[in-house]
Amino acid sequence: MTDIAISAIDTARLEPAPIRPEWIVSGDPQARCAELSRSGDGLALSAVWDCTAGEFDWTFGGDETVHILQGEVVVQTAEGPRTLRPGDVALFAAGSTCRWRVPVYVKKLAFCREPTPRAAVLATQALRRLKRLVRPGAAPVARPLAPAAA
């Protein structure tokens, strides 16, 4: 694998990516997608996705950060509706479900990451702490001062 992967959104070849029929609430939304890049471990990717008018529920399999490029979508969450337009960025947590209403068309850049098991997160945090402790020349870890004797 190279150190850098370069893609162009405007020239990405979007392929049909049908929305699950049981998720569609109304209309005939037609979605397409093109993967732009993927991490070496396969746990993160970037993609461009677009969709025509319609309303559907979407359950996110992993964490997904979206950046709206064109059009708009009204996302219904537990907190209420939120309209996302070009330039808006939103994070959808793994396992969350939202209703998407696309009035005409929407195009997004998506950054997707597979959820990491809690045990792996804790192990990674411990390893980072250990590296900071043993790294030559690293600044010492600040510790609270002992209370002054009365």
N, C-alpha and C. Protein backbone atom coordinates (compact mmCIF):
# COMPACT_ATOMS: atom_id res chain seq x y z
N MET A 1 0.84 -1.19 0.00
CA MET A 1 0.00 0.00 0.00
C MET A 1 0.88 1.24 0.00
N THR A 2 0.47 2.27 -0.74
CA THR A 2 1.21 3.52 -0.77
C THR A 2 0.82 4.37 0.44
N ASP A 3 1.58 5.43 0.66
CA ASP A 3 1.32 6.31 1.79
C ASP A 3 0.15 7.26 1.56
N ILE A 4 -0.24 7.42 0.29
CA ILE A 4 -1.30 8.37 -0.01
C ILE A 4 -2.20 7.81 -1.11
N ALA A 5 -3.50 8.02 -0.95
CA ALA A 5 -4.47 7.63 -1.97
C ALA A 5 -5.19 8.89 -2.42
N ILE A 6 -5.16 9.16 -3.70
CA ILE A 6 -5.76 10.39 -4.23
C ILE A 6 -6.91 10.01 -5.15
N SER A 7 -8.06 10.64 -4.95
CA SER A 7 -9.23 10.44 -5.79
C SER A 7 -9.86 11.79 -6.08
N ALA A 8 -10.62 11.86 -7.14
CA ALA A 8 -11.35 13.07 -7.49
C ALA A 8 -12.84 12.79 -7.42
N ILE A 9 -13.55 13.54 -6.60
CA ILE A 9 -14.98 13.34 -6.42
C ILE A 9 -15.72 13.51 -7.74
N ASP A 10 -15.34 14.54 -8.50
CA ASP A 10 -16.06 14.86 -9.74
C ASP A 10 -15.91 13.79 -10.81
N THR A 11 -14.85 13.00 -10.75
CA THR A 11 -14.65 11.97 -11.77
C THR A 11 -14.91 10.55 -11.24
N ALA A 12 -15.33 10.45 -9.99
CA ALA A 12 -15.62 9.13 -9.41
C ALA A 12 -16.78 8.50 -10.17
N ARG A 13 -16.64 7.23 -10.47
CA ARG A 13 -17.67 6.51 -11.23
C ARG A 13 -18.69 5.92 -10.25
N LEU A 14 -19.82 6.59 -10.13
CA LEU A 14 -20.87 6.16 -9.21
C LEU A 14 -21.61 4.95 -9.77
N GLU A 15 -21.72 3.93 -8.93
CA GLU A 15 -22.41 2.69 -9.31
C GLU A 15 -23.70 2.58 -8.49
N PRO A 16 -24.73 1.92 -9.04
CA PRO A 16 -25.97 1.75 -8.27
C PRO A 16 -25.70 1.13 -6.89
N ALA A 17 -26.33 1.71 -5.87
CA ALA A 17 -26.23 1.22 -4.49
C ALA A 17 -27.63 1.25 -3.91
N PRO A 18 -28.47 0.31 -4.31
CA PRO A 18 -29.89 0.34 -3.93
C PRO A 18 -30.10 0.40 -2.41
N ILE A 19 -31.07 1.21 -2.04
CA ILE A 19 -31.50 1.28 -0.65
C ILE A 19 -32.38 0.06 -0.40
N ARG A 20 -32.23 -0.56 0.77
CA ARG A 20 -33.05 -1.73 1.08
C ARG A 20 -34.52 -1.39 0.93
N PRO A 21 -35.27 -2.21 0.18
CA PRO A 21 -36.69 -1.90 -0.05
C PRO A 21 -37.49 -1.72 1.25
N GLU A 22 -37.17 -2.49 2.29
CA GLU A 22 -37.92 -2.38 3.55
C GLU A 22 -37.62 -1.07 4.29
N TRP A 23 -36.57 -0.36 3.90
CA TRP A 23 -36.23 0.93 4.51
C TRP A 23 -36.97 2.08 3.84
N ILE A 24 -37.44 1.91 2.62
CA ILE A 24 -38.07 3.00 1.87
C ILE A 24 -39.46 3.27 2.43
N VAL A 25 -39.71 4.54 2.75
CA VAL A 25 -40.98 4.98 3.31
C VAL A 25 -41.87 5.54 2.20
N SER A 26 -41.28 6.34 1.30
CA SER A 26 -42.06 6.90 0.20
C SER A 26 -41.13 7.26 -0.96
N GLY A 27 -41.73 7.36 -2.14
CA GLY A 27 -40.99 7.71 -3.33
C GLY A 27 -40.21 6.52 -3.89
N ASP A 28 -39.29 6.84 -4.79
CA ASP A 28 -38.46 5.82 -5.43
C ASP A 28 -37.01 6.30 -5.42
N PRO A 29 -36.42 6.45 -4.22
CA PRO A 29 -35.06 6.97 -4.16
C PRO A 29 -34.05 6.03 -4.84
N GLN A 30 -33.24 6.60 -5.70
CA GLN A 30 -32.21 5.85 -6.40
C GLN A 30 -30.85 6.34 -5.91
N ALA A 31 -30.10 5.46 -5.27
CA ALA A 31 -28.80 5.82 -4.70
C ALA A 31 -27.68 5.21 -5.52
N ARG A 32 -26.55 5.94 -5.53
CA ARG A 32 -25.33 5.47 -6.19
C ARG A 32 -24.15 5.79 -5.28
N CYS A 33 -23.06 5.05 -5.47
CA CYS A 33 -21.91 5.21 -4.58
C CYS A 33 -20.62 4.86 -5.31
N ALA A 34 -19.53 5.50 -4.89
CA ALA A 34 -18.20 5.15 -5.38
C ALA A 34 -17.23 5.26 -4.21
N GLU A 35 -16.49 4.20 -3.95
CA GLU A 35 -15.46 4.23 -2.92
C GLU A 35 -14.29 5.05 -3.45
N LEU A 36 -13.78 5.95 -2.60
CA LEU A 36 -12.66 6.79 -2.98
C LEU A 36 -11.35 6.29 -2.40
N SER A 37 -11.40 5.81 -1.16
CA SER A 37 -10.19 5.31 -0.51
C SER A 37 -10.58 4.36 0.61
N ARG A 38 -9.60 3.54 1.02
CA ARG A 38 -9.81 2.58 2.11
C ARG A 38 -8.51 2.47 2.89
N SER A 39 -8.62 2.40 4.21
CA SER A 39 -7.44 2.27 5.06
C SER A 39 -6.82 0.88 4.86
N GLY A 40 -5.55 0.75 5.22
CA GLY A 40 -4.84 -0.51 5.08
C GLY A 40 -5.47 -1.64 5.85
N ASP A 41 -6.06 -1.33 7.02
CA ASP A 41 -6.70 -2.39 7.82
C ASP A 41 -8.15 -2.63 7.41
N GLY A 42 -8.64 -1.85 6.45
CA GLY A 42 -10.00 -2.05 5.96
C GLY A 42 -11.09 -1.53 6.87
N LEU A 43 -10.74 -0.87 7.95
CA LEU A 43 -11.75 -0.43 8.92
C LEU A 43 -12.28 0.98 8.66
N ALA A 44 -11.65 1.71 7.74
CA ALA A 44 -12.10 3.07 7.43
C ALA A 44 -12.09 3.26 5.92
N LEU A 45 -13.06 4.03 5.44
CA LEU A 45 -13.10 4.32 4.01
C LEU A 45 -13.74 5.67 3.78
N SER A 46 -13.50 6.21 2.60
CA SER A 46 -14.20 7.41 2.16
C SER A 46 -14.93 7.06 0.87
N ALA A 47 -16.08 7.68 0.69
CA ALA A 47 -16.90 7.40 -0.49
C ALA A 47 -17.72 8.62 -0.84
N VAL A 48 -18.11 8.69 -2.10
CA VAL A 48 -19.07 9.70 -2.54
C VAL A 48 -20.37 8.94 -2.82
N TRP A 49 -21.50 9.53 -2.39
CA TRP A 49 -22.81 8.87 -2.48
C TRP A 49 -23.81 9.92 -2.91
N ASP A 50 -24.73 9.54 -3.78
CA ASP A 50 -25.81 10.47 -4.11
C ASP A 50 -27.14 9.72 -4.15
N CYS A 51 -28.22 10.50 -4.13
CA CYS A 51 -29.55 9.89 -4.06
C CYS A 51 -30.57 10.87 -4.62
N THR A 52 -31.55 10.32 -5.35
CA THR A 52 -32.66 11.12 -5.85
C THR A 52 -33.76 11.21 -4.79
N ALA A 53 -34.82 11.93 -5.11
CA ALA A 53 -35.91 12.20 -4.17
C ALA A 53 -36.53 10.94 -3.59
N GLY A 54 -36.85 11.03 -2.32
CA GLY A 54 -37.52 9.93 -1.62
C GLY A 54 -37.33 10.06 -0.13
N GLU A 55 -37.96 9.15 0.60
CA GLU A 55 -37.86 9.14 2.06
C GLU A 55 -37.60 7.71 2.49
N PHE A 56 -36.62 7.56 3.39
CA PHE A 56 -36.23 6.21 3.82
C PHE A 56 -35.57 6.27 5.19
N ASP A 57 -35.61 5.15 5.88
CA ASP A 57 -34.88 5.00 7.13
C ASP A 57 -33.50 4.45 6.79
N TRP A 58 -32.50 4.87 7.57
CA TRP A 58 -31.14 4.40 7.33
C TRP A 58 -30.52 4.04 8.67
N THR A 59 -30.02 2.81 8.77
CA THR A 59 -29.30 2.37 9.97
C THR A 59 -27.83 2.31 9.63
N PHE A 60 -27.02 3.00 10.42
CA PHE A 60 -25.59 3.11 10.16
C PHE A 60 -24.85 1.93 10.80
N GLY A 61 -24.16 1.16 9.97
CA GLY A 61 -23.41 0.00 10.44
C GLY A 61 -22.14 0.39 11.17
N GLY A 62 -21.57 1.53 10.84
CA GLY A 62 -20.37 2.05 11.48
C GLY A 62 -20.54 3.55 11.68
N ASP A 63 -19.57 4.18 12.33
CA ASP A 63 -19.61 5.63 12.45
C ASP A 63 -19.45 6.23 11.06
N GLU A 64 -20.26 7.23 10.76
CA GLU A 64 -20.17 7.88 9.45
C GLU A 64 -20.25 9.39 9.59
N THR A 65 -19.22 10.04 9.11
CA THR A 65 -19.21 11.50 9.04
C THR A 65 -19.53 11.87 7.60
N VAL A 66 -20.54 12.72 7.41
CA VAL A 66 -20.93 13.12 6.06
C VAL A 66 -20.69 14.61 5.88
N HIS A 67 -20.30 14.96 4.67
CA HIS A 67 -20.15 16.36 4.26
C HIS A 67 -21.03 16.52 3.02
N ILE A 68 -22.07 17.33 3.14
CA ILE A 68 -23.00 17.51 2.03
C ILE A 68 -22.33 18.37 0.96
N LEU A 69 -22.34 17.85 -0.27
CA LEU A 69 -21.71 18.53 -1.40
C LEU A 69 -22.72 19.28 -2.27
N GLN A 70 -23.88 18.63 -2.53
CA GLN A 70 -24.91 19.23 -3.37
C GLN A 70 -26.28 18.85 -2.83
N GLY A 71 -27.27 19.67 -3.14
CA GLY A 71 -28.64 19.36 -2.75
C GLY A 71 -28.85 19.49 -1.26
N GLU A 72 -29.85 18.77 -0.77
CA GLU A 72 -30.12 18.81 0.67
C GLU A 72 -30.89 17.57 1.09
N VAL A 73 -30.84 17.32 2.40
CA VAL A 73 -31.58 16.22 3.00
C VAL A 73 -32.09 16.69 4.36
N VAL A 74 -33.31 16.29 4.69
CA VAL A 74 -33.86 16.54 6.02
C VAL A 74 -33.74 15.23 6.78
N VAL A 75 -32.96 15.27 7.86
CA VAL A 75 -32.70 14.08 8.66
C VAL A 75 -33.54 14.17 9.93
N GLN A 76 -34.35 13.16 10.16
CA GLN A 76 -35.19 13.11 11.36
C GLN A 76 -34.49 12.22 12.38
N THR A 77 -34.15 12.81 13.52
CA THR A 77 -33.50 12.07 14.60
C THR A 77 -34.38 12.17 15.84
N ALA A 78 -33.95 11.58 16.92
CA ALA A 78 -34.68 11.66 18.19
C ALA A 78 -34.81 13.12 18.65
N GLU A 79 -33.86 13.96 18.26
CA GLU A 79 -33.87 15.38 18.66
C GLU A 79 -34.74 16.23 17.75
N GLY A 80 -35.27 15.66 16.67
CA GLY A 80 -36.10 16.41 15.74
C GLY A 80 -35.46 16.48 14.36
N PRO A 81 -36.12 17.21 13.42
CA PRO A 81 -35.59 17.29 12.06
C PRO A 81 -34.41 18.26 11.96
N ARG A 82 -33.51 17.93 11.06
CA ARG A 82 -32.35 18.79 10.81
C ARG A 82 -32.08 18.78 9.30
N THR A 83 -32.06 19.96 8.69
CA THR A 83 -31.78 20.07 7.26
C THR A 83 -30.28 20.22 7.06
N LEU A 84 -29.71 19.36 6.24
CA LEU A 84 -28.29 19.42 5.91
C LEU A 84 -28.17 19.91 4.47
N ARG A 85 -27.34 20.94 4.28
CA ARG A 85 -27.14 21.56 2.98
C ARG A 85 -25.65 21.59 2.66
N PRO A 86 -25.29 21.98 1.43
CA PRO A 86 -23.87 22.01 1.06
C PRO A 86 -23.02 22.74 2.10
N GLY A 87 -21.93 22.07 2.49
CA GLY A 87 -21.02 22.60 3.49
C GLY A 87 -21.28 22.06 4.88
N ASP A 88 -22.47 21.51 5.13
CA ASP A 88 -22.78 20.96 6.45
C ASP A 88 -22.09 19.62 6.64
N VAL A 89 -21.68 19.37 7.88
CA VAL A 89 -21.02 18.12 8.26
C VAL A 89 -21.78 17.55 9.45
N ALA A 90 -22.01 16.24 9.42
CA ALA A 90 -22.72 15.57 10.52
C ALA A 90 -22.09 14.22 10.78
N LEU A 91 -22.10 13.82 12.04
CA LEU A 91 -21.61 12.50 12.44
C LEU A 91 -22.80 11.65 12.86
N PHE A 92 -22.91 10.47 12.26
CA PHE A 92 -23.94 9.50 12.61
C PHE A 92 -23.23 8.33 13.28
N ALA A 93 -23.60 8.03 14.52
CA ALA A 93 -22.93 6.98 15.28
C ALA A 93 -23.35 5.60 14.81
N ALA A 94 -22.43 4.68 14.92
CA ALA A 94 -22.70 3.28 14.56
C ALA A 94 -23.94 2.80 15.30
N GLY A 95 -24.83 2.14 14.58
CA GLY A 95 -26.04 1.59 15.18
C GLY A 95 -27.22 2.53 15.22
N SER A 96 -27.00 3.83 14.93
CA SER A 96 -28.12 4.77 14.96
C SER A 96 -28.97 4.63 13.70
N THR A 97 -30.24 4.97 13.84
CA THR A 97 -31.17 4.95 12.71
C THR A 97 -31.80 6.32 12.59
N CYS A 98 -31.85 6.85 11.38
CA CYS A 98 -32.45 8.14 11.09
C CYS A 98 -33.34 8.02 9.87
N ARG A 99 -34.34 8.86 9.81
CA ARG A 99 -35.16 8.95 8.60
C ARG A 99 -34.57 10.06 7.73
N TRP A 100 -34.30 9.72 6.48
CA TRP A 100 -33.77 10.68 5.51
C TRP A 100 -34.87 11.04 4.53
N ARG A 101 -35.13 12.34 4.37
CA ARG A 101 -36.06 12.82 3.35
C ARG A 101 -35.27 13.69 2.38
N VAL A 102 -35.16 13.20 1.15
CA VAL A 102 -34.44 13.91 0.10
C VAL A 102 -35.49 14.58 -0.78
N PRO A 103 -35.61 15.92 -0.72
CA PRO A 103 -36.64 16.59 -1.51
C PRO A 103 -36.43 16.44 -3.02
N VAL A 104 -35.20 16.59 -3.50
CA VAL A 104 -34.92 16.51 -4.93
C VAL A 104 -33.70 15.62 -5.20
N TYR A 105 -32.58 15.97 -4.56
CA TYR A 105 -31.31 15.28 -4.81
C TYR A 105 -30.36 15.64 -3.69
N VAL A 106 -29.47 14.71 -3.34
CA VAL A 106 -28.40 14.99 -2.39
C VAL A 106 -27.15 14.23 -2.81
N LYS A 107 -26.01 14.88 -2.60
CA LYS A 107 -24.71 14.24 -2.86
C LYS A 107 -23.84 14.52 -1.65
N LYS A 108 -23.21 13.47 -1.13
CA LYS A 108 -22.40 13.62 0.07
C LYS A 108 -21.05 12.93 -0.09
N LEU A 109 -20.10 13.43 0.65
CA LEU A 109 -18.81 12.76 0.85
C LEU A 109 -18.92 12.11 2.22
N ALA A 110 -18.65 10.82 2.29
CA ALA A 110 -18.80 10.08 3.55
C ALA A 110 -17.47 9.50 4.00
N PHE A 111 -17.21 9.63 5.28
CA PHE A 111 -16.05 9.01 5.91
C PHE A 111 -16.60 7.99 6.89
N CYS A 112 -16.35 6.72 6.61
CA CYS A 112 -16.94 5.63 7.39
C CYS A 112 -15.86 4.88 8.16
N ARG A 113 -16.19 4.53 9.40
CA ARG A 113 -15.25 3.80 10.25
C ARG A 113 -16.01 2.70 10.96
N GLU A 114 -15.48 1.49 10.87
CA GLU A 114 -16.08 0.37 11.58
C GLU A 114 -15.89 0.56 13.08
N PRO A 115 -16.88 0.21 13.87
CA PRO A 115 -16.72 0.37 15.32
C PRO A 115 -15.63 -0.55 15.85
N THR A 116 -14.90 -0.05 16.83
CA THR A 116 -13.82 -0.81 17.46
C THR A 116 -14.33 -1.38 18.78
N PRO A 117 -14.11 -2.68 19.01
CA PRO A 117 -14.55 -3.26 20.29
C PRO A 117 -13.93 -2.52 21.47
N ARG A 118 -14.70 -2.38 22.54
CA ARG A 118 -14.27 -1.63 23.74
C ARG A 118 -12.93 -2.15 24.27
N ALA A 119 -12.73 -3.46 24.28
CA ALA A 119 -11.47 -4.02 24.79
C ALA A 119 -10.28 -3.53 23.95
N ALA A 120 -10.47 -3.42 22.65
CA ALA A 120 -9.38 -2.95 21.79
C ALA A 120 -9.10 -1.46 22.03
N VAL A 121 -10.14 -0.67 22.29
CA VAL A 121 -9.96 0.74 22.59
C VAL A 121 -9.15 0.90 23.88
N LEU A 122 -9.52 0.14 24.91
CA LEU A 122 -8.81 0.22 26.19
C LEU A 122 -7.36 -0.22 26.04
N ALA A 123 -7.11 -1.25 25.26
CA ALA A 123 -5.74 -1.73 25.03
C ALA A 123 -4.92 -0.67 24.30
N THR A 124 -5.51 -0.02 23.32
CA THR A 124 -4.81 1.03 22.57
C THR A 124 -4.48 2.20 23.48
N GLN A 125 -5.43 2.60 24.32
CA GLN A 125 -5.18 3.71 25.24
C GLN A 125 -4.05 3.36 26.21
N ALA A 126 -4.04 2.14 26.72
CA ALA A 126 -2.98 1.71 27.64
C ALA A 126 -1.63 1.71 26.93
N LEU A 127 -1.59 1.24 25.69
CA LEU A 127 -0.35 1.22 24.93
C LEU A 127 0.17 2.63 24.70
N ARG A 128 -0.71 3.57 24.39
CA ARG A 128 -0.29 4.96 24.19
C ARG A 128 0.29 5.54 25.47
N ARG A 129 -0.35 5.26 26.61
CA ARG A 129 0.18 5.75 27.89
C ARG A 129 1.57 5.17 28.16
N LEU A 130 1.72 3.88 27.90
CA LEU A 130 3.00 3.22 28.11
C LEU A 130 4.07 3.83 27.21
N LYS A 131 3.76 4.09 25.97
CA LYS A 131 4.72 4.71 25.04
C LYS A 131 5.16 6.07 25.54
N ARG A 132 4.20 6.86 26.08
CA ARG A 132 4.55 8.18 26.60
C ARG A 132 5.50 8.06 27.79
N LEU A 133 5.33 7.00 28.59
CA LEU A 133 6.18 6.82 29.77
C LEU A 133 7.60 6.41 29.41
N VAL A 134 7.76 5.62 28.37
CA VAL A 134 9.07 5.08 28.05
C VAL A 134 9.76 5.78 26.88
N ARG A 135 9.11 6.73 26.24
CA ARG A 135 9.69 7.42 25.10
C ARG A 135 10.86 8.28 25.56
N PRO A 136 12.05 8.07 24.99
CA PRO A 136 13.21 8.90 25.38
C PRO A 136 12.94 10.37 25.08
N GLY A 137 13.26 11.21 26.05
CA GLY A 137 13.11 12.65 25.86
C GLY A 137 11.70 13.16 25.99
N ALA A 138 10.76 12.28 26.30
CA ALA A 138 9.37 12.72 26.43
C ALA A 138 9.22 13.54 27.70
N ALA A 139 8.33 14.49 27.66
CA ALA A 139 8.06 15.30 28.84
C ALA A 139 7.47 14.41 29.92
N PRO A 140 7.84 14.64 31.17
CA PRO A 140 7.29 13.81 32.25
C PRO A 140 5.78 14.00 32.36
N VAL A 141 5.11 12.97 32.81
CA VAL A 141 3.68 13.01 33.00
C VAL A 141 3.40 13.80 34.27
N ALA A 142 2.53 14.81 34.17
CA ALA A 142 2.20 15.64 35.33
C ALA A 142 1.39 14.82 36.32
N ARG A 143 1.73 14.94 37.58
CA ARG A 143 0.99 14.26 38.64
C ARG A 143 0.57 15.30 39.66
N PRO A 144 -0.58 15.11 40.28
CA PRO A 144 -1.01 16.09 41.30
C PRO A 144 -0.04 16.10 42.47
N LEU A 145 0.13 17.27 43.06
CA LEU A 145 1.00 17.42 44.22
C LEU A 145 0.34 16.81 45.44
N ALA A 146 1.16 16.29 46.34
CA ALA A 146 0.63 15.76 47.60
C ALA A 146 0.19 16.94 48.45
N PRO A 147 -0.89 16.75 49.23
CA PRO A 147 -1.35 17.86 50.07
C PRO A 147 -0.27 18.27 51.07
N ALA A 148 -0.20 19.56 51.35
CA ALA A 148 0.79 20.09 52.29
C ALA A 148 0.47 19.62 53.69
N ALA A 149 1.52 19.34 54.47
CA ALA A 149 1.32 18.90 55.85
C ALA A 149 0.77 20.07 56.66
N ALA A 150 -0.18 19.78 57.55
CA ALA A 150 -0.80 20.82 58.36
C ALA A 150 0.03 21.19 59.53
